[in-house]
Amino acid sequence: MDAREGPAVSRAPADALLFDLGGVVMGLDWDPMFRRWARACDRSAEELRRLWVPDEAYERHERGEIGEHEYFEHLRGRLAADIDDDAFREGWAAIFTEPIH
């Protein structure tokens, strides 16, 4: 590229923006999520931690193929816990820690 041409950046509007916050921009700590979920049901944080895995439903939710309500329904079954959507959201929000420099 000739320096006089400037950067090769498109002026067309973007169709999508992708962000990867967890472990890239912000630190992650999963323990607060499990503690909050445990307070919302009759399971211990340790039990919930053992039962939760980043399974296919998690991956589909991360890719936007299923919404949060559908994913939360999946989690209720997987965790055998009656946790409402608000408590699931509160737990997810609790995983982010300090910015990564």
PDB file of N, CA and C in Angstrom:
ATOM      1  N   MET A   1       0.849  -1.176   0.000  1.00  0.00           N
ATOM      2  CA  MET A   1       0.000   0.000   0.000  1.00  0.00           C
ATOM      3  C   MET A   1       0.893   1.236   0.000  1.00  0.00           C
ATOM      4  N   ASP A   2       0.560   2.163  -0.839  1.00  0.00           N
ATOM      5  CA  ASP A   2       1.255   3.442  -0.910  1.00  0.00           C
ATOM      6  C   ASP A   2       0.805   4.285   0.276  1.00  0.00           C
ATOM      7  N   ALA A   3       1.727   4.865   1.027  1.00  0.00           N
ATOM      8  CA  ALA A   3       1.398   5.647   2.224  1.00  0.00           C
ATOM      9  C   ALA A   3       0.459   6.801   1.916  1.00  0.00           C
ATOM     10  N   ARG A   4       0.468   7.292   0.676  1.00  0.00           N
ATOM     11  CA  ARG A   4      -0.411   8.410   0.305  1.00  0.00           C
ATOM     12  C   ARG A   4      -1.874   7.980   0.195  1.00  0.00           C
ATOM     13  N   GLU A   5      -2.120   6.677   0.052  1.00  0.00           N
ATOM     14  CA  GLU A   5      -3.488   6.181  -0.087  1.00  0.00           C
ATOM     15  C   GLU A   5      -4.229   6.158   1.247  1.00  0.00           C
ATOM     16  N   GLY A   6      -3.529   6.134   2.331  1.00  0.00           N
ATOM     17  CA  GLY A   6      -4.160   6.034   3.640  1.00  0.00           C
ATOM     18  C   GLY A   6      -4.510   4.598   3.965  1.00  0.00           C
ATOM     19  N   PRO A   7      -5.098   4.369   5.111  1.00  0.00           N
ATOM     20  CA  PRO A   7      -5.425   3.003   5.523  1.00  0.00           C
ATOM     21  C   PRO A   7      -6.522   2.409   4.641  1.00  0.00           C
ATOM     22  N   ALA A   8      -6.477   1.100   4.496  1.00  0.00           N
ATOM     23  CA  ALA A   8      -7.477   0.395   3.699  1.00  0.00           C
ATOM     24  C   ALA A   8      -8.674   0.062   4.588  1.00  0.00           C
ATOM     25  N   VAL A   9      -9.447   1.067   4.929  1.00  0.00           N
ATOM     26  CA  VAL A   9     -10.612   0.901   5.793  1.00  0.00           C
ATOM     27  C   VAL A   9     -11.849   1.241   4.985  1.00  0.00           C
ATOM     28  N   SER A  10     -12.826   0.380   5.056  1.00  0.00           N
ATOM     29  CA  SER A  10     -14.070   0.606   4.330  1.00  0.00           C
ATOM     30  C   SER A  10     -14.875   1.706   4.995  1.00  0.00           C
ATOM     31  N   ARG A  11     -15.516   2.524   4.206  1.00  0.00           N
ATOM     32  CA  ARG A  11     -16.400   3.569   4.719  1.00  0.00           C
ATOM     33  C   ARG A  11     -17.838   3.075   4.805  1.00  0.00           C
ATOM     34  N   ALA A  12     -18.091   1.841   4.378  1.00  0.00           N
ATOM     35  CA  ALA A  12     -19.446   1.272   4.418  1.00  0.00           C
ATOM     36  C   ALA A  12     -19.846   1.013   5.865  1.00  0.00           C
ATOM     37  N   PRO A  13     -21.140   1.148   6.175  1.00  0.00           N
ATOM     38  CA  PRO A  13     -21.583   0.862   7.541  1.00  0.00           C
ATOM     39  C   PRO A  13     -21.365  -0.612   7.887  1.00  0.00           C
ATOM     40  N   ALA A  14     -21.075  -0.865   9.141  1.00  0.00           N
ATOM     41  CA  ALA A  14     -20.845  -2.236   9.604  1.00  0.00           C
ATOM     42  C   ALA A  14     -22.171  -2.972   9.752  1.00  0.00           C
ATOM     43  N   ASP A  15     -22.169  -4.250   9.395  1.00  0.00           N
ATOM     44  CA  ASP A  15     -23.339  -5.098   9.587  1.00  0.00           C
ATOM     45  C   ASP A  15     -23.401  -5.630  11.013  1.00  0.00           C
ATOM     46  N   ALA A  16     -22.253  -5.768  11.642  1.00  0.00           N
ATOM     47  CA  ALA A  16     -22.201  -6.308  12.997  1.00  0.00           C
ATOM     48  C   ALA A  16     -20.905  -5.876  13.662  1.00  0.00           C
ATOM     49  N   LEU A  17     -20.944  -5.791  14.973  1.00  0.00           N
ATOM     50  CA  LEU A  17     -19.755  -5.553  15.781  1.00  0.00           C
ATOM     51  C   LEU A  17     -19.620  -6.731  16.734  1.00  0.00           C
ATOM     52  N   LEU A  18     -18.445  -7.259  16.867  1.00  0.00           N
ATOM     53  CA  LEU A  18     -18.214  -8.393  17.747  1.00  0.00           C
ATOM     54  C   LEU A  18     -17.339  -7.946  18.912  1.00  0.00           C
ATOM     55  N   PHE A  19     -17.742  -8.349  20.098  1.00  0.00           N
ATOM     56  CA  PHE A  19     -16.988  -8.017  21.298  1.00  0.00           C
ATOM     57  C   PHE A  19     -16.701  -9.299  22.057  1.00  0.00           C
ATOM     58  N   ASP A  20     -15.532  -9.425  22.588  1.00  0.00           N
ATOM     59  CA  ASP A  20     -15.165 -10.537  23.447  1.00  0.00           C
ATOM     60  C   ASP A  20     -14.657  -9.930  24.738  1.00  0.00           C
ATOM     61  N   LEU A  21     -15.566  -9.696  25.675  1.00  0.00           N
ATOM     62  CA  LEU A  21     -15.193  -9.037  26.925  1.00  0.00           C
ATOM     63  C   LEU A  21     -14.498  -9.977  27.892  1.00  0.00           C
ATOM     64  N   GLY A  22     -15.088 -11.137  28.119  1.00  0.00           N
ATOM     65  CA  GLY A  22     -14.629 -12.042  29.158  1.00  0.00           C
ATOM     66  C   GLY A  22     -13.259 -12.611  28.914  1.00  0.00           C
ATOM     67  N   GLY A  23     -12.331 -12.283  29.771  1.00  0.00           N
ATOM     68  CA  GLY A  23     -10.969 -12.774  29.676  1.00  0.00           C
ATOM     69  C   GLY A  23     -10.133 -12.032  28.646  1.00  0.00           C
ATOM     70  N   VAL A  24     -10.725 -11.056  27.960  1.00  0.00           N
ATOM     71  CA  VAL A  24     -10.004 -10.264  26.964  1.00  0.00           C
ATOM     72  C   VAL A  24      -9.950  -8.811  27.418  1.00  0.00           C
ATOM     73  N   VAL A  25     -11.101  -8.224  27.659  1.00  0.00           N
ATOM     74  CA  VAL A  25     -11.188  -6.833  28.111  1.00  0.00           C
ATOM     75  C   VAL A  25     -11.421  -6.782  29.624  1.00  0.00           C
ATOM     76  N   MET A  26     -12.240  -7.695  30.121  1.00  0.00           N
ATOM     77  CA  MET A  26     -12.572  -7.754  31.546  1.00  0.00           C
ATOM     78  C   MET A  26     -12.144  -9.109  32.106  1.00  0.00           C
ATOM     79  N   GLY A  27     -11.715  -9.112  33.355  1.00  0.00           N
ATOM     80  CA  GLY A  27     -11.413 -10.365  34.025  1.00  0.00           C
ATOM     81  C   GLY A  27     -12.707 -11.105  34.350  1.00  0.00           C
ATOM     82  N   LEU A  28     -12.598 -12.404  34.571  1.00  0.00           N
ATOM     83  CA  LEU A  28     -13.756 -13.232  34.907  1.00  0.00           C
ATOM     84  C   LEU A  28     -13.527 -13.955  36.222  1.00  0.00           C
ATOM     85  N   ASP A  29     -14.576 -14.010  37.030  1.00  0.00           N
ATOM     86  CA  ASP A  29     -14.576 -14.794  38.269  1.00  0.00           C
ATOM     87  C   ASP A  29     -15.954 -15.433  38.362  1.00  0.00           C
ATOM     88  N   TRP A  30     -16.016 -16.741  38.212  1.00  0.00           N
ATOM     89  CA  TRP A  30     -17.302 -17.447  38.163  1.00  0.00           C
ATOM     90  C   TRP A  30     -17.904 -17.657  39.554  1.00  0.00           C
ATOM     91  N   ASP A  31     -17.111 -17.610  40.612  1.00  0.00           N
ATOM     92  CA  ASP A  31     -17.616 -17.895  41.954  1.00  0.00           C
ATOM     93  C   ASP A  31     -18.778 -16.997  42.381  1.00  0.00           C
ATOM     94  N   PRO A  32     -18.742 -15.692  42.139  1.00  0.00           N
ATOM     95  CA  PRO A  32     -19.886 -14.867  42.532  1.00  0.00           C
ATOM     96  C   PRO A  32     -21.194 -15.288  41.850  1.00  0.00           C
ATOM     97  N   MET A  33     -21.098 -15.770  40.608  1.00  0.00           N
ATOM     98  CA  MET A  33     -22.288 -16.245  39.908  1.00  0.00           C
ATOM     99  C   MET A  33     -22.908 -17.420  40.657  1.00  0.00           C
ATOM    100  N   PHE A  34     -22.084 -18.399  41.017  1.00  0.00           N
ATOM    101  CA  PHE A  34     -22.601 -19.570  41.705  1.00  0.00           C
ATOM    102  C   PHE A  34     -23.161 -19.214  43.083  1.00  0.00           C
ATOM    103  N   ARG A  35     -22.517 -18.290  43.779  1.00  0.00           N
ATOM    104  CA  ARG A  35     -23.024 -17.864  45.090  1.00  0.00           C
ATOM    105  C   ARG A  35     -24.383 -17.186  44.953  1.00  0.00           C
ATOM    106  N   ARG A  36     -24.552 -16.336  43.957  1.00  0.00           N
ATOM    107  CA  ARG A  36     -25.837 -15.653  43.757  1.00  0.00           C
ATOM    108  C   ARG A  36     -26.919 -16.649  43.364  1.00  0.00           C
ATOM    109  N   TRP A  37     -26.578 -17.571  42.465  1.00  0.00           N
ATOM    110  CA  TRP A  37     -27.568 -18.579  42.089  1.00  0.00           C
ATOM    111  C   TRP A  37     -27.947 -19.444  43.289  1.00  0.00           C
ATOM    112  N   ALA A  38     -26.977 -19.768  44.135  1.00  0.00           N
ATOM    113  CA  ALA A  38     -27.258 -20.591  45.313  1.00  0.00           C
ATOM    114  C   ALA A  38     -28.229 -19.878  46.256  1.00  0.00           C
ATOM    115  N   ARG A  39     -28.071 -18.565  46.398  1.00  0.00           N
ATOM    116  CA  ARG A  39     -28.996 -17.809  47.248  1.00  0.00           C
ATOM    117  C   ARG A  39     -30.417 -17.816  46.692  1.00  0.00           C
ATOM    118  N   ALA A  40     -30.548 -18.017  45.378  1.00  0.00           N
ATOM    119  CA  ALA A  40     -31.860 -17.976  44.725  1.00  0.00           C
ATOM    120  C   ALA A  40     -32.573 -19.337  44.732  1.00  0.00           C
ATOM    121  N   CYS A  41     -31.885 -20.384  45.189  1.00  0.00           N
ATOM    122  CA  CYS A  41     -32.506 -21.713  45.198  1.00  0.00           C
ATOM    123  C   CYS A  41     -32.015 -22.491  46.411  1.00  0.00           C
ATOM    124  N   ASP A  42     -32.360 -23.751  46.470  1.00  0.00           N
ATOM    125  CA  ASP A  42     -31.971 -24.555  47.637  1.00  0.00           C
ATOM    126  C   ASP A  42     -30.770 -25.453  47.354  1.00  0.00           C
ATOM    127  N   ARG A  43     -29.842 -24.990  46.512  1.00  0.00           N
ATOM    128  CA  ARG A  43     -28.628 -25.736  46.199  1.00  0.00           C
ATOM    129  C   ARG A  43     -27.431 -24.933  46.704  1.00  0.00           C
ATOM    130  N   SER A  44     -26.334 -25.623  46.960  1.00  0.00           N
ATOM    131  CA  SER A  44     -25.124 -24.909  47.371  1.00  0.00           C
ATOM    132  C   SER A  44     -24.363 -24.413  46.141  1.00  0.00           C
ATOM    133  N   ALA A  45     -23.541 -23.411  46.350  1.00  0.00           N
ATOM    134  CA  ALA A  45     -22.713 -22.897  45.260  1.00  0.00           C
ATOM    135  C   ALA A  45     -21.805 -24.007  44.721  1.00  0.00           C
ATOM    136  N   GLU A  46     -21.302 -24.856  45.589  1.00  0.00           N
ATOM    137  CA  GLU A  46     -20.431 -25.954  45.171  1.00  0.00           C
ATOM    138  C   GLU A  46     -21.181 -26.941  44.286  1.00  0.00           C
ATOM    139  N   GLU A  47     -22.429 -27.262  44.637  1.00  0.00           N
ATOM    140  CA  GLU A  47     -23.240 -28.165  43.804  1.00  0.00           C
ATOM    141  C   GLU A  47     -23.472 -27.558  42.425  1.00  0.00           C
ATOM    142  N   LEU A  48     -23.849 -26.293  42.402  1.00  0.00           N
ATOM    143  CA  LEU A  48     -24.119 -25.626  41.132  1.00  0.00           C
ATOM    144  C   LEU A  48     -22.864 -25.562  40.272  1.00  0.00           C
ATOM    145  N   ARG A  49     -21.721 -25.312  40.892  1.00  0.00           N
ATOM    146  CA  ARG A  49     -20.450 -25.264  40.168  1.00  0.00           C
ATOM    147  C   ARG A  49     -20.149 -26.620  39.526  1.00  0.00           C
ATOM    148  N   ARG A  50     -20.421 -27.710  40.236  1.00  0.00           N
ATOM    149  CA  ARG A  50     -20.181 -29.054  39.691  1.00  0.00           C
ATOM    150  C   ARG A  50     -21.131 -29.369  38.540  1.00  0.00           C
ATOM    151  N   LEU A  51     -22.372 -28.903  38.627  1.00  0.00           N
ATOM    152  CA  LEU A  51     -23.383 -29.234  37.623  1.00  0.00           C
ATOM    153  C   LEU A  51     -23.297 -28.378  36.363  1.00  0.00           C
ATOM    154  N   TRP A  52     -22.807 -27.141  36.495  1.00  0.00           N
ATOM    155  CA  TRP A  52     -22.751 -26.242  35.339  1.00  0.00           C
ATOM    156  C   TRP A  52     -21.526 -26.566  34.493  1.00  0.00           C
ATOM    157  N   VAL A  53     -21.744 -26.704  33.208  1.00  0.00           N
ATOM    158  CA  VAL A  53     -20.639 -26.883  32.260  1.00  0.00           C
ATOM    159  C   VAL A  53     -20.948 -26.051  31.020  1.00  0.00           C
ATOM    160  N   PRO A  54     -19.917 -25.588  30.323  1.00  0.00           N
ATOM    161  CA  PRO A  54     -20.160 -24.873  29.063  1.00  0.00           C
ATOM    162  C   PRO A  54     -20.530 -25.878  27.963  1.00  0.00           C
ATOM    163  N   ASP A  55     -21.789 -26.317  27.985  1.00  0.00           N
ATOM    164  CA  ASP A  55     -22.270 -27.349  27.079  1.00  0.00           C
ATOM    165  C   ASP A  55     -22.773 -26.751  25.760  1.00  0.00           C
ATOM    166  N   GLU A  56     -23.447 -27.553  24.966  1.00  0.00           N
ATOM    167  CA  GLU A  56     -23.929 -27.093  23.663  1.00  0.00           C
ATOM    168  C   GLU A  56     -24.897 -25.924  23.798  1.00  0.00           C
ATOM    169  N   ALA A  57     -25.793 -25.966  24.788  1.00  0.00           N
ATOM    170  CA  ALA A  57     -26.737 -24.861  24.989  1.00  0.00           C
ATOM    171  C   ALA A  57     -25.983 -23.571  25.323  1.00  0.00           C
ATOM    172  N   TYR A  58     -24.954 -23.671  26.135  1.00  0.00           N
ATOM    173  CA  TYR A  58     -24.126 -22.506  26.453  1.00  0.00           C
ATOM    174  C   TYR A  58     -23.504 -21.936  25.172  1.00  0.00           C
ATOM    175  N   GLU A  59     -22.918 -22.815  24.363  1.00  0.00           N
ATOM    176  CA  GLU A  59     -22.292 -22.377  23.114  1.00  0.00           C
ATOM    177  C   GLU A  59     -23.319 -21.732  22.183  1.00  0.00           C
ATOM    178  N   ARG A  60     -24.508 -22.315  22.089  1.00  0.00           N
ATOM    179  CA  ARG A  60     -25.555 -21.746  21.231  1.00  0.00           C
ATOM    180  C   ARG A  60     -25.981 -20.371  21.740  1.00  0.00           C
ATOM    181  N   HIS A  61     -26.067 -20.218  23.052  1.00  0.00           N
ATOM    182  CA  HIS A  61     -26.422 -18.923  23.635  1.00  0.00           C
ATOM    183  C   HIS A  61     -25.321 -17.900  23.362  1.00  0.00           C
ATOM    184  N   GLU A  62     -24.074 -18.305  23.505  1.00  0.00           N
ATOM    185  CA  GLU A  62     -22.945 -17.412  23.234  1.00  0.00           C
ATOM    186  C   GLU A  62     -22.937 -16.932  21.782  1.00  0.00           C
ATOM    187  N   ARG A  63     -23.362 -17.793  20.870  1.00  0.00           N
ATOM    188  CA  ARG A  63     -23.395 -17.428  19.447  1.00  0.00           C
ATOM    189  C   ARG A  63     -24.674 -16.688  19.063  1.00  0.00           C
ATOM    190  N   GLY A  64     -25.606 -16.535  19.996  1.00  0.00           N
ATOM    191  CA  GLY A  64     -26.850 -15.841  19.707  1.00  0.00           C
ATOM    192  C   GLY A  64     -27.882 -16.700  19.004  1.00  0.00           C
ATOM    193  N   GLU A  65     -27.698 -18.005  19.006  1.00  0.00           N
ATOM    194  CA  GLU A  65     -28.634 -18.907  18.343  1.00  0.00           C
ATOM    195  C   GLU A  65     -29.872 -19.175  19.196  1.00  0.00           C
ATOM    196  N   ILE A  66     -29.736 -19.027  20.509  1.00  0.00           N
ATOM    197  CA  ILE A  66     -30.889 -19.121  21.408  1.00  0.00           C
ATOM    198  C   ILE A  66     -30.834 -17.910  22.343  1.00  0.00           C
ATOM    199  N   GLY A  67     -31.985 -17.491  22.791  1.00  0.00           N
ATOM    200  CA  GLY A  67     -32.068 -16.355  23.688  1.00  0.00           C
ATOM    201  C   GLY A  67     -31.813 -16.746  25.128  1.00  0.00           C
ATOM    202  N   GLU A  68     -31.741 -15.730  25.959  1.00  0.00           N
ATOM    203  CA  GLU A  68     -31.443 -16.001  27.373  1.00  0.00           C
ATOM    204  C   GLU A  68     -32.537 -16.812  28.034  1.00  0.00           C
ATOM    205  N   HIS A  69     -33.813 -16.571  27.724  1.00  0.00           N
ATOM    206  CA  HIS A  69     -34.889 -17.323  28.380  1.00  0.00           C
ATOM    207  C   HIS A  69     -34.770 -18.814  28.070  1.00  0.00           C
ATOM    208  N   GLU A  70     -34.504 -19.149  26.807  1.00  0.00           N
ATOM    209  CA  GLU A  70     -34.349 -20.553  26.438  1.00  0.00           C
ATOM    210  C   GLU A  70     -33.131 -21.159  27.137  1.00  0.00           C
ATOM    211  N   TYR A  71     -32.042 -20.403  27.209  1.00  0.00           N
ATOM    212  CA  TYR A  71     -30.858 -20.910  27.896  1.00  0.00           C
ATOM    213  C   TYR A  71     -31.132 -21.084  29.384  1.00  0.00           C
ATOM    214  N   PHE A  72     -31.818 -20.132  29.990  1.00  0.00           N
ATOM    215  CA  PHE A  72     -32.143 -20.247  31.408  1.00  0.00           C
ATOM    216  C   PHE A  72     -33.046 -21.449  31.678  1.00  0.00           C
ATOM    217  N   GLU A  73     -33.971 -21.737  30.765  1.00  0.00           N
ATOM    218  CA  GLU A  73     -34.811 -22.938  30.905  1.00  0.00           C
ATOM    219  C   GLU A  73     -33.927 -24.186  30.904  1.00  0.00           C
ATOM    220  N   HIS A  74     -32.962 -24.221  30.003  1.00  0.00           N
ATOM    221  CA  HIS A  74     -32.014 -25.335  29.952  1.00  0.00           C
ATOM    222  C   HIS A  74     -31.264 -25.450  31.283  1.00  0.00           C
ATOM    223  N   LEU A  75     -30.793 -24.316  31.809  1.00  0.00           N
ATOM    224  CA  LEU A  75     -30.055 -24.346  33.070  1.00  0.00           C
ATOM    225  C   LEU A  75     -30.913 -24.838  34.230  1.00  0.00           C
ATOM    226  N   ARG A  76     -32.183 -24.453  34.258  1.00  0.00           N
ATOM    227  CA  ARG A  76     -33.052 -24.933  35.338  1.00  0.00           C
ATOM    228  C   ARG A  76     -33.063 -26.448  35.382  1.00  0.00           C
ATOM    229  N   GLY A  77     -33.143 -27.071  34.217  1.00  0.00           N
ATOM    230  CA  GLY A  77     -33.122 -28.531  34.159  1.00  0.00           C
ATOM    231  C   GLY A  77     -31.759 -29.096  34.504  1.00  0.00           C
ATOM    232  N   ARG A  78     -30.719 -28.541  33.932  1.00  0.00           N
ATOM    233  CA  ARG A  78     -29.359 -29.051  34.156  1.00  0.00           C
ATOM    234  C   ARG A  78     -28.952 -28.931  35.618  1.00  0.00           C
ATOM    235  N   LEU A  79     -29.304 -27.802  36.243  1.00  0.00           N
ATOM    236  CA  LEU A  79     -28.924 -27.557  37.636  1.00  0.00           C
ATOM    237  C   LEU A  79     -29.934 -28.108  38.629  1.00  0.00           C
ATOM    238  N   ALA A  80     -31.085 -28.573  38.129  1.00  0.00           N
ATOM    239  CA  ALA A  80     -32.178 -29.035  38.997  1.00  0.00           C
ATOM    240  C   ALA A  80     -32.470 -27.975  40.057  1.00  0.00           C
ATOM    241  N   ALA A  81     -32.608 -26.738  39.573  1.00  0.00           N
ATOM    242  CA  ALA A  81     -32.785 -25.608  40.483  1.00  0.00           C
ATOM    243  C   ALA A  81     -33.849 -24.666  39.935  1.00  0.00           C
ATOM    244  N   ASP A  82     -34.711 -24.215  40.812  1.00  0.00           N
ATOM    245  CA  ASP A  82     -35.762 -23.274  40.435  1.00  0.00           C
ATOM    246  C   ASP A  82     -35.229 -21.850  40.647  1.00  0.00           C
ATOM    247  N   ILE A  83     -34.551 -21.344  39.627  1.00  0.00           N
ATOM    248  CA  ILE A  83     -33.964 -20.003  39.673  1.00  0.00           C
ATOM    249  C   ILE A  83     -34.675 -19.163  38.626  1.00  0.00           C
ATOM    250  N   ASP A  84     -35.170 -17.995  39.004  1.00  0.00           N
ATOM    251  CA  ASP A  84     -35.893 -17.178  38.019  1.00  0.00           C
ATOM    252  C   ASP A  84     -34.911 -16.443  37.100  1.00  0.00           C
ATOM    253  N   ASP A  85     -35.444 -15.939  35.995  1.00  0.00           N
ATOM    254  CA  ASP A  85     -34.597 -15.286  34.994  1.00  0.00           C
ATOM    255  C   ASP A  85     -33.806 -14.114  35.578  1.00  0.00           C
ATOM    256  N   ASP A  86     -34.430 -13.340  36.459  1.00  0.00           N
ATOM    257  CA  ASP A  86     -33.717 -12.199  37.051  1.00  0.00           C
ATOM    258  C   ASP A  86     -32.501 -12.650  37.857  1.00  0.00           C
ATOM    259  N   ALA A  87     -32.646 -13.751  38.599  1.00  0.00           N
ATOM    260  CA  ALA A  87     -31.518 -14.256  39.392  1.00  0.00           C
ATOM    261  C   ALA A  87     -30.416 -14.799  38.488  1.00  0.00           C
ATOM    262  N   PHE A  88     -30.802 -15.451  37.376  1.00  0.00           N
ATOM    263  CA  PHE A  88     -29.786 -15.897  36.427  1.00  0.00           C
ATOM    264  C   PHE A  88     -29.023 -14.702  35.862  1.00  0.00           C
ATOM    265  N   ARG A  89     -29.758 -13.648  35.474  1.00  0.00           N
ATOM    266  CA  ARG A  89     -29.111 -12.446  34.935  1.00  0.00           C
ATOM    267  C   ARG A  89     -28.168 -11.826  35.952  1.00  0.00           C
ATOM    268  N   GLU A  90     -28.618 -11.735  37.193  1.00  0.00           N
ATOM    269  CA  GLU A  90     -27.797 -11.147  38.256  1.00  0.00           C
ATOM    270  C   GLU A  90     -26.510 -11.948  38.431  1.00  0.00           C
ATOM    271  N   GLY A  91     -26.611 -13.257  38.372  1.00  0.00           N
ATOM    272  CA  GLY A  91     -25.422 -14.100  38.483  1.00  0.00           C
ATOM    273  C   GLY A  91     -24.454 -13.878  37.337  1.00  0.00           C
ATOM    274  N   TRP A  92     -24.977 -13.845  36.108  1.00  0.00           N
ATOM    275  CA  TRP A  92     -24.106 -13.609  34.949  1.00  0.00           C
ATOM    276  C   TRP A  92     -23.395 -12.265  35.074  1.00  0.00           C
ATOM    277  N   ALA A  93     -24.104 -11.252  35.507  1.00  0.00           N
ATOM    278  CA  ALA A  93     -23.504  -9.918  35.618  1.00  0.00           C
ATOM    279  C   ALA A  93     -22.395  -9.889  36.662  1.00  0.00           C
ATOM    280  N   ALA A  94     -22.430 -10.811  37.612  1.00  0.00           N
ATOM    281  CA  ALA A  94     -21.455 -10.818  38.710  1.00  0.00           C
ATOM    282  C   ALA A  94     -20.110 -11.421  38.327  1.00  0.00           C
ATOM    283  N   ILE A  95     -19.990 -12.037  37.141  1.00  0.00           N
ATOM    284  CA  ILE A  95     -18.732 -12.710  36.797  1.00  0.00           C
ATOM    285  C   ILE A  95     -17.629 -11.753  36.369  1.00  0.00           C
ATOM    286  N   PHE A  96     -17.984 -10.550  35.937  1.00  0.00           N
ATOM    287  CA  PHE A  96     -16.982  -9.634  35.421  1.00  0.00           C
ATOM    288  C   PHE A  96     -16.249  -8.920  36.557  1.00  0.00           C
ATOM    289  N   THR A  97     -14.921  -8.889  36.441  1.00  0.00           N
ATOM    290  CA  THR A  97     -14.104  -8.233  37.454  1.00  0.00           C
ATOM    291  C   THR A  97     -13.422  -7.015  36.827  1.00  0.00           C
ATOM    292  N   GLU A  98     -12.231  -6.736  37.234  1.00  0.00           N
ATOM    293  CA  GLU A  98     -11.510  -5.542  36.791  1.00  0.00           C
ATOM    294  C   GLU A  98     -11.102  -5.633  35.313  1.00  0.00           C
ATOM    295  N   PRO A  99     -10.938  -4.487  34.692  1.00  0.00           N
ATOM    296  CA  PRO A  99     -10.442  -4.489  33.306  1.00  0.00           C
ATOM    297  C   PRO A  99      -9.044  -5.093  33.221  1.00  0.00           C
ATOM    298  N   ILE A 100      -8.765  -5.748  32.111  1.00  0.00           N
ATOM    299  CA  ILE A 100      -7.436  -6.317  31.864  1.00  0.00           C
ATOM    300  C   ILE A 100      -6.621  -5.258  31.128  1.00  0.00           C
ATOM    301  N   HIS A 101      -5.414  -5.020  31.602  1.00  0.00           N
ATOM    302  CA  HIS A 101      -4.547  -4.008  30.982  1.00  0.00           C
ATOM    303  C   HIS A 101      -3.491  -4.655  30.134  1.00  0.00           C
TER     304      HIS A 101
END
